[in-house]
Protein backbone atom coordinates (compact mmCIF):
# COMPACT_ATOMS: atom_id res chain seq x y z
CA MET A 1 -7.67 -3.23 -16.47
CA LEU A 2 -6.41 -3.04 -12.89
CA VAL A 3 -8.13 -0.75 -10.38
CA CYS A 4 -6.37 0.61 -7.29
CA ASN A 5 -6.39 3.53 -4.88
CA GLY A 6 -3.14 4.05 -2.94
CA PRO A 7 0.66 3.66 -2.95
CA GLY A 8 0.70 0.66 -0.60
CA GLU A 9 -1.57 -1.38 -2.85
CA LEU A 10 0.31 -0.21 -5.93
CA SER A 11 3.59 -1.68 -4.74
CA THR A 12 2.32 -4.80 -3.00
CA TRP A 13 -0.68 -5.89 -5.11
CA VAL A 14 -0.76 -4.08 -8.45
CA ARG A 15 2.91 -4.26 -9.41
CA PRO A 16 3.37 -8.02 -8.74
CA LEU A 17 0.21 -8.90 -10.68
CA ALA A 18 1.12 -6.58 -13.56
CA LEU A 19 4.57 -8.16 -13.83
CA ARG A 20 3.04 -11.63 -13.80
CA LEU A 21 0.47 -10.79 -16.48
CA HIS A 22 3.16 -9.33 -18.72
CA ARG A 23 5.19 -12.50 -18.22
CA GLU A 24 2.30 -14.76 -19.21
CA LEU A 25 0.51 -12.66 -21.85
CA ALA A 26 1.41 -10.41 -24.76
CA LEU A 27 0.32 -7.00 -23.48
CA ARG A 28 1.04 -3.41 -24.36
CA PRO A 29 3.11 -1.42 -23.46
CA LEU A 30 5.84 -4.04 -22.99
CA ASP A 31 4.80 -5.74 -26.24
CA PRO A 32 3.93 -2.86 -28.62
CA ASP A 33 2.44 -5.23 -31.23
CA ALA A 34 0.10 -7.03 -28.81
CA ASP A 35 -3.67 -7.07 -29.34
CA ARG A 36 -4.31 -6.53 -25.64
CA ALA A 37 -3.22 -3.75 -23.30
CA LEU A 38 -2.80 -3.50 -19.55
CA ASP A 39 -4.40 -0.32 -18.19
CA LEU A 40 -4.60 1.11 -14.68
CA VAL A 41 -7.48 3.14 -13.26
CA LEU A 42 -7.04 4.92 -9.93
CA VAL A 43 -10.21 5.52 -7.95
CA PRO A 44 -11.21 8.25 -5.45
CA CYS A 45 -9.93 7.63 -1.93
CA PRO A 46 -9.76 10.03 1.05
CA ASN A 47 -6.44 8.50 2.11
CA ALA A 48 -4.71 8.75 -1.28
CA THR A 49 -1.95 11.29 -1.83
CA GLY A 50 -2.87 12.39 -5.38
CA ARG A 51 0.51 11.25 -6.73
CA GLU A 52 -0.34 7.61 -7.27
CA HIS A 53 -0.47 8.05 -11.06
CA GLN A 54 3.12 9.30 -11.01
CA VAL A 55 4.22 6.25 -9.02
CA ALA A 56 2.42 3.95 -11.46
CA ALA A 57 3.94 5.73 -14.46
CA GLY A 58 7.39 5.07 -13.04
CA MET A 59 6.71 1.33 -13.13
CA GLY A 60 6.47 1.39 -16.93
CA LEU A 61 3.91 -1.43 -16.92
CA PHE A 62 0.71 0.28 -18.05
CA ASN A 63 -0.55 1.32 -21.45
CA ARG A 64 -2.88 3.92 -19.94
CA ILE A 65 -3.03 5.33 -16.42
CA LEU A 66 -6.10 7.31 -15.40
CA PRO A 67 -5.64 9.34 -12.19
CA ALA A 68 -8.37 9.37 -9.58
CA ARG A 69 -9.47 12.88 -10.55
CA SER A 70 -10.50 11.50 -13.97
CA PHE A 71 -12.60 8.63 -12.65
CA TRP A 72 -16.03 10.24 -12.90
CA ARG A 73 -15.31 11.60 -16.37
CA LEU A 74 -14.26 8.10 -17.40
CA LEU A 75 -17.63 6.77 -16.29
CA LEU A 76 -19.53 9.48 -18.13
CA TRP A 77 -17.42 9.82 -21.28
CA PRO A 78 -15.14 6.80 -21.83
CA ARG A 79 -14.28 7.92 -25.37
CA ARG A 80 -12.55 10.97 -23.95
CA TYR A 81 -9.74 8.62 -22.93
CA GLY A 82 -9.37 6.80 -26.23
CA PHE A 83 -10.74 3.60 -27.64
CA TRP A 84 -11.57 0.59 -25.53
CA PRO A 85 -12.11 -3.02 -26.62
CA ARG A 86 -15.67 -4.24 -26.42
CA GLN A 87 -14.62 -7.00 -24.02
CA GLY A 88 -12.25 -6.91 -21.09
CA VAL A 89 -11.73 -7.58 -17.39
CA VAL A 90 -11.75 -5.12 -14.49
CA VAL A 91 -9.69 -6.34 -11.52
CA PHE A 92 -10.22 -4.74 -8.12
CA LEU A 93 -6.97 -4.29 -6.18
CA GLY A 94 -7.71 -1.64 -3.60
CA GLY A 95 -10.10 1.16 -2.73
CA ASP A 96 -13.87 1.07 -2.54
CA GLN A 97 -15.14 -2.06 -4.29
CA PHE A 98 -18.20 -0.21 -5.54
CA TRP A 99 -16.09 1.84 -7.95
CA THR A 100 -15.21 -1.32 -9.87
CA VAL A 101 -18.87 -2.33 -9.93
CA LEU A 102 -19.65 0.96 -11.69
CA LEU A 103 -16.65 0.77 -14.00
CA SER A 104 -17.21 -2.80 -15.14
CA ALA A 105 -20.90 -2.03 -15.72
CA ARG A 106 -20.12 1.11 -17.70
CA LEU A 107 -17.62 -0.58 -20.00
CA GLY A 108 -19.48 -3.88 -20.18
CA TYR A 109 -16.45 -5.78 -18.85
CA ARG A 110 -16.18 -8.81 -16.65
CA HIS A 111 -15.41 -8.07 -13.02
CA LEU A 112 -12.94 -9.78 -10.67
CA THR A 113 -12.45 -8.70 -7.04
CA TYR A 114 -9.47 -9.58 -4.89
CA ALA A 115 -11.15 -9.81 -1.47
CA GLU A 116 -8.77 -9.45 1.43
CA TRP A 117 -11.47 -9.77 4.10
CA VAL A 118 -14.85 -9.46 2.36
CA ALA A 119 -16.33 -9.19 -1.14
CA ARG A 120 -19.00 -6.53 -0.70
CA TRP A 121 -20.77 -6.88 -4.05
CA PRO A 122 -20.67 -10.60 -4.96
CA ARG A 123 -23.78 -10.34 -7.13
CA TRP A 124 -21.95 -8.02 -9.53
CA ASN A 125 -18.75 -10.09 -9.69
CA ASP A 126 -18.02 -12.68 -12.34
CA ALA A 127 -15.31 -14.10 -10.08
CA ILE A 128 -13.94 -13.45 -6.61
CA ALA A 129 -10.36 -14.12 -5.58
CA ALA A 130 -10.46 -14.60 -1.81
CA MET A 131 -7.31 -14.05 0.22
CA GLY A 132 -8.28 -16.83 2.61
CA PRO A 133 -11.10 -18.66 4.38
CA THR A 134 -12.24 -15.50 6.18
CA ALA A 135 -13.20 -13.79 2.94
CA LEU A 136 -14.71 -17.00 1.56
CA ASP A 137 -16.82 -17.67 4.67
CA ALA A 138 -18.11 -14.08 4.63
CA LEU A 139 -19.80 -14.70 1.28
CA PRO A 140 -23.47 -15.75 1.16
CA ARG A 141 -23.63 -19.40 0.10
CA ARG A 142 -25.36 -18.61 -3.18
CA TRP A 143 -22.25 -16.73 -4.41
CA ARG A 144 -19.51 -19.01 -3.13
CA ASP A 145 -19.23 -20.91 -6.40
CA ARG A 146 -17.82 -17.71 -7.90
CA ALA A 147 -15.01 -17.56 -5.34
CA THR A 148 -11.55 -19.11 -5.36
CA VAL A 149 -9.09 -18.89 -2.48
CA VAL A 150 -5.84 -17.69 -4.02
CA GLY A 151 -3.90 -16.71 -0.88
CA ASP A 152 -2.20 -13.54 0.26
CA LEU A 153 -0.69 -11.54 -2.61
CA MET A 154 1.92 -10.21 -0.21
CA ALA A 155 3.21 -13.71 0.52
CA ASP A 156 5.18 -13.50 -2.73
CA LEU A 157 7.09 -10.37 -1.67
CA SER A 158 9.87 -12.18 0.15
CA GLU A 159 10.46 -14.44 -2.85
CA SER A 160 11.16 -11.52 -5.16
CA ALA A 161 13.03 -9.57 -2.47
CA ARG A 162 15.72 -12.23 -2.25
CA GLN A 163 16.71 -11.49 -5.83
CA GLU A 164 17.57 -7.85 -5.09
CA MET A 165 20.98 -6.39 -4.25
CA PRO A 166 22.12 -7.00 -0.65
CA LEU A 167 22.90 -4.21 1.81
CA PRO A 168 26.41 -3.68 3.17
CA ALA A 169 27.14 -5.75 6.26
CA GLY A 170 25.76 -4.41 9.51
CA GLU A 171 22.85 -4.40 11.95
CA TRP A 172 20.28 -2.45 9.96
CA VAL A 173 17.22 -0.75 11.42
CA ALA A 174 14.55 0.66 9.09
CA LEU A 175 12.90 3.99 9.90
CA MET A 176 9.45 4.33 8.31
CA PRO A 177 7.77 7.64 9.23
CA GLY A 178 4.94 7.30 6.69
CA SER A 179 4.05 9.16 3.52
CA LYS A 180 1.26 11.56 4.52
CA ARG A 181 1.70 15.03 5.95
CA ALA A 182 0.10 14.25 9.32
CA LYS A 183 2.42 11.30 9.86
CA LEU A 184 5.61 12.89 8.49
CA GLN A 185 5.15 15.99 10.59
CA VAL A 186 5.44 13.85 13.73
CA GLY A 187 7.41 10.92 12.37
CA MET A 188 10.47 12.63 10.92
CA PRO A 189 11.70 14.52 14.02
CA PHE A 190 10.55 11.70 16.31
CA LEU A 191 12.48 9.00 14.43
CA LEU A 192 15.57 11.14 13.89
CA GLU A 193 15.89 11.70 17.63
CA THR A 194 15.18 8.01 18.21
CA ALA A 195 17.99 7.12 15.79
CA ASP A 196 20.41 9.38 17.66
CA ARG A 197 19.51 7.78 20.99
CA LEU A 198 19.63 4.23 19.62
CA ALA A 199 23.03 4.88 18.04
CA ARG A 200 24.37 5.89 21.45
CA LEU A 201 23.02 2.65 22.96
CA ARG A 202 24.24 0.46 20.08
CA PRO A 203 26.97 2.16 18.02
CA GLN A 204 27.02 -0.72 15.52
CA VAL A 205 23.46 0.01 14.32
CA ARG A 206 23.01 1.32 10.77
CA PHE A 207 19.83 3.06 9.61
CA LEU A 208 17.90 3.21 6.37
CA LEU A 209 14.78 5.11 5.40
CA PRO A 210 12.81 4.08 2.29
CA VAL A 211 11.49 7.25 0.65
CA ALA A 212 7.80 6.62 0.00
CA PRO A 213 6.92 6.83 -3.69
CA THR A 214 4.44 9.63 -3.01
CA THR A 215 6.93 11.89 -1.25
CA THR A 216 10.37 13.33 -2.01
CA VAL A 217 13.70 13.78 -0.27
CA ALA A 218 13.09 17.55 -0.27
CA GLU A 219 9.83 17.03 1.63
CA LEU A 220 11.53 14.78 4.16
CA LEU A 221 14.13 17.49 4.73
CA ALA A 222 11.40 20.07 5.24
CA TYR A 223 9.69 17.92 7.88
CA ALA A 224 13.08 17.50 9.60
CA SER A 225 13.69 21.26 9.70
CA PRO A 226 12.43 24.29 11.64
CA ALA A 227 9.78 24.69 8.90
CA ASN A 228 7.95 21.86 10.71
CA PRO A 229 6.04 23.37 13.67
CA LEU A 230 6.81 20.24 15.70
CA PHE A 231 10.56 20.44 15.06
CA GLY A 232 11.21 22.21 18.37
CA SER A 233 9.54 19.39 20.32
CA TYR A 234 12.51 17.13 19.60
CA SER A 235 16.24 17.40 20.18
CA CYS A 236 17.51 15.83 16.95
CA GLY A 237 18.47 19.09 15.23
CA GLU A 238 18.30 19.71 11.51
CA PRO A 239 20.06 17.02 9.44
CA GLU A 240 22.20 17.67 6.39
CA LEU A 241 21.87 15.83 3.10
CA LEU A 242 24.91 13.89 1.86
CA ASP A 243 25.26 12.44 -1.62
CA ASP A 244 28.52 10.68 -2.40
CA ALA A 245 29.95 7.24 -3.16
CA HIS A 246 28.34 5.91 0.01
CA GLY A 247 24.86 6.81 -1.21
CA LEU A 248 22.22 9.43 -0.46
CA ARG A 249 22.08 9.99 3.29
CA LEU A 250 20.81 12.20 6.07
CA ARG A 251 23.33 13.04 8.80
CA THR A 252 22.05 14.45 12.07
CA PRO A 253 24.06 16.97 14.12
CA ALA A 254 24.84 14.08 16.51
CA GLY A 255 26.46 12.17 13.63
CA SER A 256 23.83 9.51 12.96
CA GLU A 257 23.59 8.67 9.26
CA ILE A 258 20.40 7.39 7.65
CA LEU A 259 20.65 5.83 4.19
CA LEU A 260 17.83 7.09 1.93
CA LEU A 261 16.42 4.56 -0.52
CA GLU A 262 14.58 6.00 -3.51
CA THR A 263 14.11 2.63 -5.21
CA HIS A 264 10.45 1.56 -5.31
CA PRO A 265 9.67 -0.84 -3.82
CA ALA A 266 12.58 -1.28 -1.39
CA HIS A 267 11.68 -4.85 -0.47
CA GLY A 268 15.18 -6.24 -0.94
CA ALA A 269 16.74 -3.79 1.49
CA LEU A 270 13.90 -3.99 4.01
CA SER A 271 14.03 -7.79 4.10
CA GLN A 272 17.62 -7.56 5.39
CA CYS A 273 16.77 -5.31 8.35
CA ALA A 274 16.94 -6.68 11.88
CA LEU A 275 14.14 -4.37 13.03
CA ALA A 276 11.84 -1.63 11.74
CA LEU A 277 10.39 1.35 13.60
CA THR A 278 7.22 2.21 11.70
CA THR A 279 3.95 4.08 11.74
CA VAL A 280 0.66 2.28 11.15
CA GLY A 281 -0.59 1.67 7.63
CA ALA A 282 0.07 -0.56 4.64
CA ASN A 283 3.76 -0.56 5.54
CA THR A 284 3.01 -2.88 8.48
CA ALA A 285 1.51 -5.40 6.05
CA GLU A 286 4.52 -4.98 3.77
CA LEU A 287 7.00 -5.54 6.60
CA GLY A 288 4.97 -8.49 7.84
CA ALA A 289 5.01 -10.10 4.41
CA LEU A 290 8.78 -9.67 4.28
CA GLY A 291 9.13 -11.18 7.74
CA VAL A 292 10.74 -8.06 9.22
CA PRO A 293 10.31 -7.62 13.00
CA MET A 294 8.85 -4.23 13.86
CA ILE A 295 7.74 -1.86 16.59
CA VAL A 296 4.62 0.02 15.50
CA LEU A 297 4.45 3.60 16.76
CA VAL A 298 1.43 5.88 17.21
CA PRO A 299 2.57 8.94 19.19
CA THR A 300 -0.55 10.79 20.34
CA GLN A 301 1.08 13.80 21.97
CA HIS A 302 0.39 15.90 18.86
CA LEU A 303 -3.31 15.20 18.35
CA GLN A 304 -3.84 18.53 16.60
CA VAL A 305 -1.93 17.32 13.52
CA MET A 306 -3.28 13.76 13.44
CA GLN A 307 -6.31 14.06 11.19
CA ALA A 308 -5.21 11.28 8.82
CA TRP A 309 -8.18 9.09 9.63
CA ASP A 310 -10.58 7.73 7.04
CA GLY A 311 -14.35 7.86 6.69
CA GLY A 312 -16.87 10.68 6.84
CA ILE A 313 -15.90 11.81 10.34
CA GLY A 314 -12.29 12.00 9.26
CA ILE A 315 -13.34 14.37 6.48
CA LEU A 316 -15.21 16.54 9.00
CA ALA A 317 -12.12 16.60 11.20
CA ARG A 318 -10.19 18.17 8.33
CA LEU A 319 -12.64 21.04 7.85
CA PRO A 320 -10.98 24.33 8.89
CA LEU A 321 -13.57 25.36 11.50
CA LEU A 322 -13.83 21.92 13.11
CA ARG A 323 -10.26 20.71 12.68
CA TRP A 324 -8.90 21.47 16.12
CA LEU A 325 -11.85 20.49 18.28
CA LEU A 326 -13.40 17.60 16.39
CA GLY A 327 -10.08 16.33 15.04
CA ALA A 328 -8.55 16.07 18.50
CA ALA A 329 -11.70 14.49 19.98
CA LEU A 330 -11.93 11.98 17.13
CA THR A 331 -8.29 10.97 17.34
CA ALA A 332 -8.43 10.63 21.12
CA TRP A 333 -11.47 8.38 20.80
CA ARG A 334 -9.77 6.28 18.14
CA MET A 335 -6.69 5.90 20.35
CA ARG A 336 -8.77 4.65 23.27
CA ASN A 337 -10.80 2.22 21.15
CA HIS A 338 -8.29 1.21 18.51
CA GLY A 339 -8.15 -2.57 18.91
CA PHE A 340 -5.25 -3.80 16.82
CA LEU A 341 -3.64 -1.30 14.45
CA ALA A 342 -0.84 -3.24 12.73
CA TRP A 343 -1.85 -5.57 9.91
CA PRO A 344 -0.03 -8.64 11.32
CA ASN A 345 -1.94 -8.24 14.59
CA ILE A 346 -5.24 -7.70 12.80
CA SER A 347 -4.63 -10.81 10.70
CA ALA A 348 -3.66 -12.98 13.66
CA GLY A 349 -6.24 -11.56 16.07
CA ARG A 350 -3.47 -11.31 18.67
CA MET A 351 -0.39 -9.23 19.44
CA VAL A 352 2.34 -10.51 17.10
CA VAL A 353 4.29 -7.24 16.86
CA PRO A 354 4.38 -4.61 19.61
CA GLU A 355 2.15 -1.56 19.16
CA ARG A 356 3.07 1.53 21.14
CA VAL A 357 0.20 4.02 21.35
CA GLY A 358 0.22 7.09 23.56
CA SER A 359 2.52 9.89 24.62
CA LEU A 360 5.70 8.22 23.34
CA THR A 361 9.25 9.49 23.76
CA PRO A 362 12.23 8.78 21.49
CA ALA A 363 14.22 7.75 24.57
CA ALA A 364 11.73 5.02 25.50
CA ILE A 365 11.46 3.71 21.93
CA ALA A 366 15.24 3.70 21.48
CA GLN A 367 15.63 1.70 24.69
CA GLU A 368 12.96 -0.79 23.61
CA ALA A 369 14.58 -1.17 20.19
CA ALA A 370 17.95 -1.77 21.84
CA ASP A 371 16.38 -4.41 24.12
CA TRP A 372 14.97 -6.26 21.09
CA LEU A 373 18.28 -6.08 19.24
CA ASP A 374 20.07 -7.39 22.35
CA GLN A 375 17.93 -10.54 22.17
CA PRO A 376 18.20 -12.04 18.66
CA GLN A 377 16.22 -15.11 19.76
CA ARG A 378 13.18 -12.92 20.51
CA LEU A 379 13.57 -11.17 17.16
CA GLU A 380 13.75 -14.50 15.39
CA GLY A 381 10.60 -15.62 17.21
CA MET A 382 8.77 -12.53 15.94
CA ARG A 383 10.12 -13.18 12.46
CA GLU A 384 8.84 -16.76 12.55
CA ASP A 385 5.41 -15.59 13.72
CA LEU A 386 5.27 -13.19 10.78
CA ARG A 387 6.30 -15.93 8.36
CA SER A 388 3.59 -18.24 9.69
CA LEU A 389 0.96 -15.54 9.04
CA ARG A 390 2.20 -14.87 5.52
CA GLY A 391 1.14 -18.18 4.03
CA GLN A 392 2.64 -19.89 1.03
CA PRO A 393 3.78 -18.01 -2.09
CA GLY A 394 1.76 -18.46 -5.26
CA ALA A 395 -1.17 -16.06 -4.79
CA VAL A 396 -0.03 -13.78 -7.62
CA ALA A 397 0.14 -16.71 -10.04
CA ALA A 398 -3.30 -17.93 -8.91
CA LEU A 399 -4.85 -14.49 -9.38
CA ALA A 400 -3.24 -14.12 -12.81
CA ALA A 401 -4.77 -17.48 -13.77
CA LEU A 402 -8.24 -16.18 -12.83
CA VAL A 403 -7.68 -13.08 -14.95
CA ARG A 404 -6.68 -15.23 -17.92
CA GLN A 405 -9.83 -17.34 -17.51
CA LEU A 406 -12.03 -14.25 -17.71
CA LEU A 407 -10.22 -12.65 -20.63
CA PRO A 408 -11.87 -12.74 -24.06
CA ALA A 409 -10.01 -14.26 -26.98
CA ALA A 410 -7.12 -12.18 -28.28
CA GLY A 411 -7.84 -9.91 -31.21
CA SER A 412 -10.27 -7.37 -29.77
CA GLY A 413 -7.71 -4.63 -29.30
CA PRO A 414 -8.51 -1.01 -28.61
CA GLY A 415 -8.32 -0.14 -32.28
CA SER A 416 -10.90 -2.71 -33.35
CA GLU A 417 -13.85 -1.65 -31.21
CA PRO A 418 -14.79 1.86 -30.11
CA ALA A 419 -15.25 2.69 -26.47
CA PRO A 420 -18.85 2.57 -25.32
CA GLY A 421 -20.43 6.00 -25.44
CA PRO A 422 -23.11 7.49 -23.25
CA GLU A 423 -25.91 6.27 -25.52
CA PRO A 424 -25.36 2.53 -25.96
CA GLY A 425 -23.72 1.76 -22.60
CA PRO A 426 -25.46 1.55 -19.25
CA SER A 427 -25.76 4.88 -17.54
CA ALA A 428 -22.87 5.84 -15.30
CA GLY A 429 -23.73 4.83 -11.77
CA ALA A 430 -26.42 2.33 -12.77
CA LEU A 431 -26.00 -1.18 -11.44
CA PRO A 432 -25.92 -4.01 -13.95
CA ALA A 433 -28.35 -6.85 -13.94
CA ALA A 434 -27.07 -9.82 -11.96
CA PRO A 435 -24.68 -11.69 -14.26
CA ALA A 436 -24.86 -15.40 -14.74
CA PRO A 437 -21.73 -17.14 -13.47
CA HIS A 438 -19.09 -17.31 -16.18
CA ARG A 439 -17.15 -20.52 -16.53
CA ALA A 440 -13.79 -20.91 -18.19
CA ASP A 441 -14.51 -23.90 -20.38
């Protein structure tokens, strides 16, 4: 059972591991006669879109998918969602690690956490897959024998991307406005005007925009239209949608065409881009893993619509009565005290990719993008820095090996043992007793 929270983790962590497990083990649904099944549980997350279960269903890799809204009912009444084997493994791949502590305790399953920076509940883990030395060193010494450094799961992205269909020849620039309302409301008109201005500076540039799995082309069009209250702040005009032999595209009134990619994930196409203009978020980690140079944009001139922050204060900022005052104050504070925002910079502890935070203009960003494209040696230097941060491929295989070690012997399929009910299982929310370390002998 894999546990996740958001679309970024679904495409970069969950999908590669699910594909690997299906390759190495007989699992439903790809093998209908298998004794074991691969399930996905989505957990509550303030930054999730609510459509993650639809994205996961489109992958066709999971026997059961439980949306985040069903998580608490799963803890209380597991039988409501069918039969479960008596033994299994819960693998944390995004969200709040405590949810997997509760879930593994409730079902009586072994528990494996993929720790990007820290494993917060090592006592309740049977094994910990650390991304690197940082996560390993953060563990108390008494729990380090449960940890294995597997590497960065995203380091394998470029390997699989090379197998995908190439783009037509050209100097491609990716536009990545985000997937959440607060980001799209600013990002769509901002990037469309930027594309128009960059096309005037470099007519040979071609643009693509990967449609996030939790949004739709219709929504992108709405954010690029007068229905968006910020539309009038930019001079791009309303684009038209084209769908012909050349693909699905947006064409601005100035004539700039942006290829829309609805394939998820779009790693193959992104890996061929010379540059990306992107918002902050998991997409910066994705681009970094693919070795794609980027300029990370956080325009702050529309603070009133930027309440996409996490945590308890972020929730308060979204309350109707406090939204305008507290939301603006919170965002302004975050902008002044942000540190690094892009994942490559956070990982390196230094500025690897440029971050532009403040009252940004499409004209300035277009000029900066043109300057980068005019100097391919600088772009290649950024690409090499990103590759050096990525690490060696093989993390997905190493994590799959840990899952196999924790798995019980085949034969305890969902039909052979009933799901634990409220009476025999530990109470939902109760912590288990500290498990003894399990060894794969």
